[in-house]
Amino acid sequence: MAKSDELVKYITERVVHYIDTPKDERKGRSKTKEPWTMKWFGMIPFAVSLWVGKKEKAMNSQGEMQKRSSSGKG
């Protein structure tokens, strides 16, 4: 019986604390969810996205350099 009494006391304390806090403060405390890819696979998807982004950026800058040199302006 003692465990159930402690559980009831704990739950009532939590409920009272929840009710006593202002609504704005409760909203501000909410956590931002991490993407499911990070949760399931860790840093690997992030690292791959950075790597792909760098490759695309390098390819775009090389393409622009070739356009400039072939246009005769430069």
Protein backbone atom coordinates (compact mmCIF):
# COMPACT_ATOMS: atom_id res chain seq x y z
CA MET A 1 0.00 0.00 0.00
CA ALA A 2 2.87 2.38 0.68
CA LYS A 3 4.01 2.32 -2.94
CA SER A 4 0.60 3.25 -4.27
CA ASP A 5 0.38 6.12 -1.78
CA GLU A 6 3.77 7.41 -2.92
CA LEU A 7 2.71 7.13 -6.54
CA VAL A 8 -0.50 9.06 -5.93
CA LYS A 9 1.45 11.73 -4.03
CA TYR A 10 4.02 12.02 -6.83
CA ILE A 11 1.37 12.28 -9.54
CA THR A 12 -0.62 14.90 -7.65
CA GLU A 13 2.55 16.96 -7.08
CA ARG A 14 3.34 16.85 -10.80
CA VAL A 15 -0.21 17.81 -11.77
CA VAL A 16 -0.31 20.69 -9.30
CA HIS A 17 3.08 21.93 -10.53
CA TYR A 18 1.86 21.71 -14.14
CA ILE A 19 -1.29 23.65 -13.35
CA ASP A 20 0.62 26.31 -11.38
CA THR A 21 3.05 27.11 -14.20
CA PRO A 22 1.85 29.74 -16.67
CA LYS A 23 0.89 28.58 -20.14
CA ASP A 24 3.57 30.72 -21.81
CA GLU A 25 6.30 29.16 -19.68
CA ARG A 26 5.12 25.64 -20.53
CA LYS A 27 5.20 26.44 -24.25
CA GLY A 28 8.71 27.86 -23.99
CA ARG A 29 10.01 24.72 -22.36
CA SER A 30 9.02 22.38 -25.16
CA LYS A 31 11.91 20.61 -26.84
CA THR A 32 12.62 20.77 -30.53
CA LYS A 33 12.44 17.39 -32.17
CA GLU A 34 15.53 16.12 -33.88
CA PRO A 35 15.08 14.74 -37.39
CA TRP A 36 14.28 11.04 -37.56
CA THR A 37 17.37 10.42 -39.68
CA MET A 38 19.57 11.72 -36.85
CA LYS A 39 17.67 9.68 -34.30
CA TRP A 40 17.94 6.45 -36.27
CA PHE A 41 21.29 6.76 -37.99
CA GLY A 42 23.26 9.33 -35.99
CA MET A 43 25.72 11.65 -37.71
CA ILE A 44 26.08 9.61 -40.92
CA PRO A 45 23.25 11.30 -42.88
CA PHE A 46 24.47 14.72 -41.78
CA ALA A 47 28.02 13.94 -42.89
CA VAL A 48 26.82 12.61 -46.24
CA SER A 49 24.68 15.70 -46.82
CA LEU A 50 27.67 17.94 -46.09
CA TRP A 51 29.86 15.91 -48.43
CA VAL A 52 27.29 16.02 -51.24
CA GLY A 53 26.78 19.73 -50.71
CA LYS A 54 30.50 20.40 -51.01
CA LYS A 55 30.71 18.34 -54.19
CA GLU A 56 27.76 20.18 -55.74
CA LYS A 57 29.22 23.53 -54.77
CA ALA A 58 32.59 22.60 -56.28
CA MET A 59 30.93 21.40 -59.49
CA ASN A 60 28.92 24.63 -59.76
CA SER A 61 31.98 26.81 -59.29
CA GLN A 62 33.93 24.80 -61.91
CA GLY A 63 31.05 25.16 -64.37
CA GLU A 64 30.98 28.92 -63.85
CA MET A 65 34.74 29.14 -64.38
CA GLN A 66 34.46 27.21 -67.67
CA LYS A 67 31.63 29.48 -68.84
CA ARG A 68 33.73 32.58 -68.11
CA SER A 69 36.79 31.27 -69.93
CA SER A 70 34.85 30.11 -73.00
CA SER A 71 32.87 33.34 -73.34
CA GLY A 72 36.00 35.31 -74.32
CA LYS A 73 35.49 38.03 -71.72
CA GLY A 74 38.21 37.08 -69.55
